[in-house]
C-alpha atoms as a PDB file:
ATOM      1  CA  MET A   1       8.722  -0.342 -19.006  1.00  0.00           C
ATOM      2  CA  LYS A   2       5.095   0.720 -19.224  1.00  0.00           C
ATOM      3  CA  ALA A   3       3.536   1.946 -15.952  1.00  0.00           C
ATOM      4  CA  ILE A   4       1.497  -0.600 -13.996  1.00  0.00           C
ATOM      5  CA  TYR A   5      -1.613   0.771 -12.306  1.00  0.00           C
ATOM      6  CA  VAL A   6      -3.644  -0.961  -9.596  1.00  0.00           C
ATOM      7  CA  ALA A   7      -6.787  -0.131  -7.653  1.00  0.00           C
ATOM      8  CA  ILE A   8      -6.927  -0.293  -3.873  1.00  0.00           C
ATOM      9  CA  VAL A   9     -10.438  -1.110  -2.678  1.00  0.00           C
ATOM     10  CA  GLY A  10     -12.278  -1.931   0.540  1.00  0.00           C
ATOM     11  CA  LEU A  11     -11.159   1.374   2.027  1.00  0.00           C
ATOM     12  CA  ASN A  12     -14.381   1.922   3.956  1.00  0.00           C
ATOM     13  CA  ASN A  13     -13.641  -1.240   5.959  1.00  0.00           C
ATOM     14  CA  TYR A  14     -10.619   0.567   7.400  1.00  0.00           C
ATOM     15  CA  PHE A  15     -10.066   4.355   7.411  1.00  0.00           C
ATOM     16  CA  GLY A  16     -11.857   5.505   4.250  1.00  0.00           C
ATOM     17  CA  VAL A  17     -10.398   7.656   1.468  1.00  0.00           C
ATOM     18  CA  LYS A  18      -9.807  10.812   3.522  1.00  0.00           C
ATOM     19  CA  ILE A  19      -6.374   9.629   4.706  1.00  0.00           C
ATOM     20  CA  PHE A  20      -4.995   9.340   1.144  1.00  0.00           C
ATOM     21  CA  LYS A  21      -3.146  11.937  -0.890  1.00  0.00           C
ATOM     22  CA  PRO A  22      -1.282  11.637  -4.197  1.00  0.00           C
ATOM     23  CA  GLY A  23       2.399  10.888  -3.645  1.00  0.00           C
ATOM     24  CA  GLN A  24       1.976   8.644  -0.594  1.00  0.00           C
ATOM     25  CA  ILE A  25       3.849   5.339  -0.656  1.00  0.00           C
ATOM     26  CA  LEU A  26       1.857   2.144  -0.107  1.00  0.00           C
ATOM     27  CA  ARG A  27       3.418  -1.127   0.957  1.00  0.00           C
ATOM     28  CA  LEU A  28       1.716  -4.051  -0.806  1.00  0.00           C
ATOM     29  CA  ILE A  29       2.072  -7.391   0.985  1.00  0.00           C
ATOM     30  CA  LYS A  30       0.805 -10.826   0.027  1.00  0.00           C
ATOM     31  CA  ASP A  31      -1.837 -11.910   2.533  1.00  0.00           C
ATOM     32  CA  TYR A  32      -1.175 -15.624   2.895  1.00  0.00           C
ATOM     33  CA  ASP A  33      -3.858 -15.956   5.601  1.00  0.00           C
ATOM     34  CA  ASP A  34      -6.783 -14.595   3.550  1.00  0.00           C
ATOM     35  CA  ASP A  35      -9.567 -17.205   3.574  1.00  0.00           C
ATOM     36  CA  TYR A  36     -11.396 -15.757   0.553  1.00  0.00           C
ATOM     37  CA  ASP A  37      -8.655 -15.024  -1.974  1.00  0.00           C
ATOM     38  CA  ARG A  38      -5.465 -17.073  -2.429  1.00  0.00           C
ATOM     39  CA  GLU A  39      -3.941 -14.146  -4.340  1.00  0.00           C
ATOM     40  CA  ALA A  40      -4.910 -11.399  -1.882  1.00  0.00           C
ATOM     41  CA  ILE A  41      -2.578  -8.430  -1.615  1.00  0.00           C
ATOM     42  CA  MET A  42      -3.149  -6.054   1.295  1.00  0.00           C
ATOM     43  CA  ALA A  43      -2.238  -2.379   1.167  1.00  0.00           C
ATOM     44  CA  LEU A  44      -0.517  -0.759   4.130  1.00  0.00           C
ATOM     45  CA  LEU A  45       0.106   2.926   4.701  1.00  0.00           C
ATOM     46  CA  ASP A  46       2.846   3.372   7.265  1.00  0.00           C
ATOM     47  CA  PRO A  47       2.525   4.156  10.143  1.00  0.00           C
ATOM     48  CA  ILE A  48      -1.269   3.636  10.022  1.00  0.00           C
ATOM     49  CA  GLY A  49      -1.274  -0.013   8.956  1.00  0.00           C
ATOM     50  CA  LYS A  50      -3.713  -1.904   6.739  1.00  0.00           C
ATOM     51  CA  VAL A  51      -5.889   0.438   4.670  1.00  0.00           C
ATOM     52  CA  GLY A  52      -7.386  -1.847   2.024  1.00  0.00           C
ATOM     53  CA  TYR A  53      -6.733  -4.563  -0.544  1.00  0.00           C
ATOM     54  CA  MET A  54      -5.662  -4.597  -4.149  1.00  0.00           C
ATOM     55  CA  ALA A  55      -8.651  -5.172  -6.455  1.00  0.00           C
ATOM     56  CA  ASN A  56      -8.859  -8.748  -7.754  1.00  0.00           C
ATOM     57  CA  SER A  57     -12.351  -9.108  -9.193  1.00  0.00           C
ATOM     58  CA  ALA A  58     -13.823  -8.347 -12.601  1.00  0.00           C
ATOM     59  CA  HIS A  59     -16.217  -6.039 -10.714  1.00  0.00           C
ATOM     60  CA  THR A  60     -13.498  -4.019  -8.963  1.00  0.00           C
ATOM     61  CA  VAL A  61     -10.484  -3.949 -11.327  1.00  0.00           C
ATOM     62  CA  PRO A  62     -10.736  -0.935 -13.680  1.00  0.00           C
ATOM     63  CA  LEU A  63     -10.225  -1.561 -17.408  1.00  0.00           C
ATOM     64  CA  GLY A  64      -6.506  -1.558 -18.263  1.00  0.00           C
ATOM     65  CA  PHE A  65      -5.381  -2.000 -14.643  1.00  0.00           C
ATOM     66  CA  TRP A  66      -3.632  -5.024 -13.156  1.00  0.00           C
ATOM     67  CA  SER A  67      -5.489  -7.296 -10.779  1.00  0.00           C
ATOM     68  CA  ALA A  68      -3.925  -8.740  -7.629  1.00  0.00           C
ATOM     69  CA  GLY A  69      -3.801 -12.114  -9.368  1.00  0.00           C
ATOM     70  CA  ARG A  70      -1.842 -10.696 -12.279  1.00  0.00           C
ATOM     71  CA  LEU A  71       0.677  -8.937 -10.004  1.00  0.00           C
ATOM     72  CA  TYR A  72       0.911 -11.714  -7.395  1.00  0.00           C
ATOM     73  CA  ASP A  73       3.667 -13.768  -9.040  1.00  0.00           C
ATOM     74  CA  THR A  74       5.827 -10.772  -9.998  1.00  0.00           C
ATOM     75  CA  PHE A  75       7.258 -10.229  -6.487  1.00  0.00           C
ATOM     76  CA  GLU A  76       8.277 -12.292  -3.459  1.00  0.00           C
ATOM     77  CA  THR A  77       6.347 -10.933  -0.455  1.00  0.00           C
ATOM     78  CA  VAL A  78       6.415  -7.121  -0.522  1.00  0.00           C
ATOM     79  CA  THR A  79       6.294  -4.501  -3.257  1.00  0.00           C
ATOM     80  CA  TYR A  80       5.561  -0.770  -3.238  1.00  0.00           C
ATOM     81  CA  ALA A  81       3.218   1.595  -5.040  1.00  0.00           C
ATOM     82  CA  VAL A  82       2.683   5.350  -5.090  1.00  0.00           C
ATOM     83  CA  VAL A  83      -0.790   6.882  -4.824  1.00  0.00           C
ATOM     84  CA  ARG A  84      -1.613   8.747  -8.046  1.00  0.00           C
ATOM     85  CA  PHE A  85      -5.353   9.477  -7.713  1.00  0.00           C
ATOM     86  CA  VAL A  86      -8.034   9.236  -5.049  1.00  0.00           C
ATOM     87  CA  THR A  87     -11.657   8.746  -6.093  1.00  0.00           C
ATOM     88  CA  LYS A  88     -14.830   8.444  -4.039  1.00  0.00           C
ATOM     89  CA  GLU A  89     -14.245   4.772  -3.128  1.00  0.00           C
ATOM     90  CA  THR A  90     -10.927   3.762  -4.698  1.00  0.00           C
ATOM     91  CA  VAL A  91      -7.245   4.669  -4.612  1.00  0.00           C
ATOM     92  CA  ILE A  92      -5.378   4.449  -7.901  1.00  0.00           C
ATOM     93  CA  ALA A  93      -1.702   3.596  -7.420  1.00  0.00           C
ATOM     94  CA  GLU A  94       1.289   3.010  -9.676  1.00  0.00           C
ATOM     95  CA  ILE A  95       3.611   0.090  -8.915  1.00  0.00           C
ATOM     96  CA  LEU A  96       7.166   1.197  -8.161  1.00  0.00           C
ATOM     97  CA  GLU A  97      10.091  -0.824  -9.469  1.00  0.00           C
ATOM     98  CA  ASN A  98      13.604  -0.995  -8.010  1.00  0.00           C
ATOM     99  CA  VAL A  99      12.633   0.939  -4.896  1.00  0.00           C
ATOM    100  CA  GLU A 100      15.291   2.220  -2.519  1.00  0.00           C
ATOM    101  CA  PHE A 101      14.448   4.021   0.710  1.00  0.00           C
ATOM    102  CA  GLU A 102      16.632   6.129   2.932  1.00  0.00           C
ATOM    103  CA  ILE A 103      15.870   5.968   6.625  1.00  0.00           C
ATOM    104  CA  TYR A 104      16.802   8.823   8.919  1.00  0.00           C
ATOM    105  CA  ILE A 105      17.051   8.191  12.642  1.00  0.00           C
ATOM    106  CA  LYS A 106      16.669  11.212  14.841  1.00  0.00           C
ATOM    107  CA  GLU A 107      18.592  10.978  18.087  1.00  0.00           C
ATOM    108  CA  GLU A 108      16.461  12.043  21.006  1.00  0.00           C
ATOM    109  CA  MET A 109      17.670  14.676  23.437  1.00  0.00           C
ATOM    110  CA  PRO A 110      18.187  13.332  26.965  1.00  0.00           C
ATOM    111  CA  ILE A 111      15.557  14.289  29.503  1.00  0.00           C
ATOM    112  CA  SER A 112      16.819  16.473  32.357  1.00  0.00           C
ATOM    113  CA  ASN A 113      16.532  13.503  34.775  1.00  0.00           C
ATOM    114  CA  GLU A 114      18.888  11.467  32.610  1.00  0.00           C
ATOM    115  CA  ILE A 115      21.510  14.244  32.589  1.00  0.00           C
ATOM    116  CA  GLU A 116      21.603  14.458  36.390  1.00  0.00           C
ATOM    117  CA  GLU A 117      22.074  10.704  36.921  1.00  0.00           C
END
């Protein structure tokens, strides 16, 4: 399938563009509580949290990219994207399909107090 690109905007309302690097994984979640856009999709960068929103306006969606409204009905609640480019005010991301994550849990070493008890 052809790659789907989206723009993440509103970055300056959160942490700006300096926290982004190509290759980072973004979690895109439908924002059911957004009062301004019924098709709002927020972008989260774990473990930081909300970092922006997917572009959904003719003024913010780059030519050839998908808007939040176009992507909204293609997933249930959460989907993922990978950061491909970072510009002065926008993050360009590619939607990932059939994502699988491996989680590694590091067991903590007991503190000396715990050993003695």
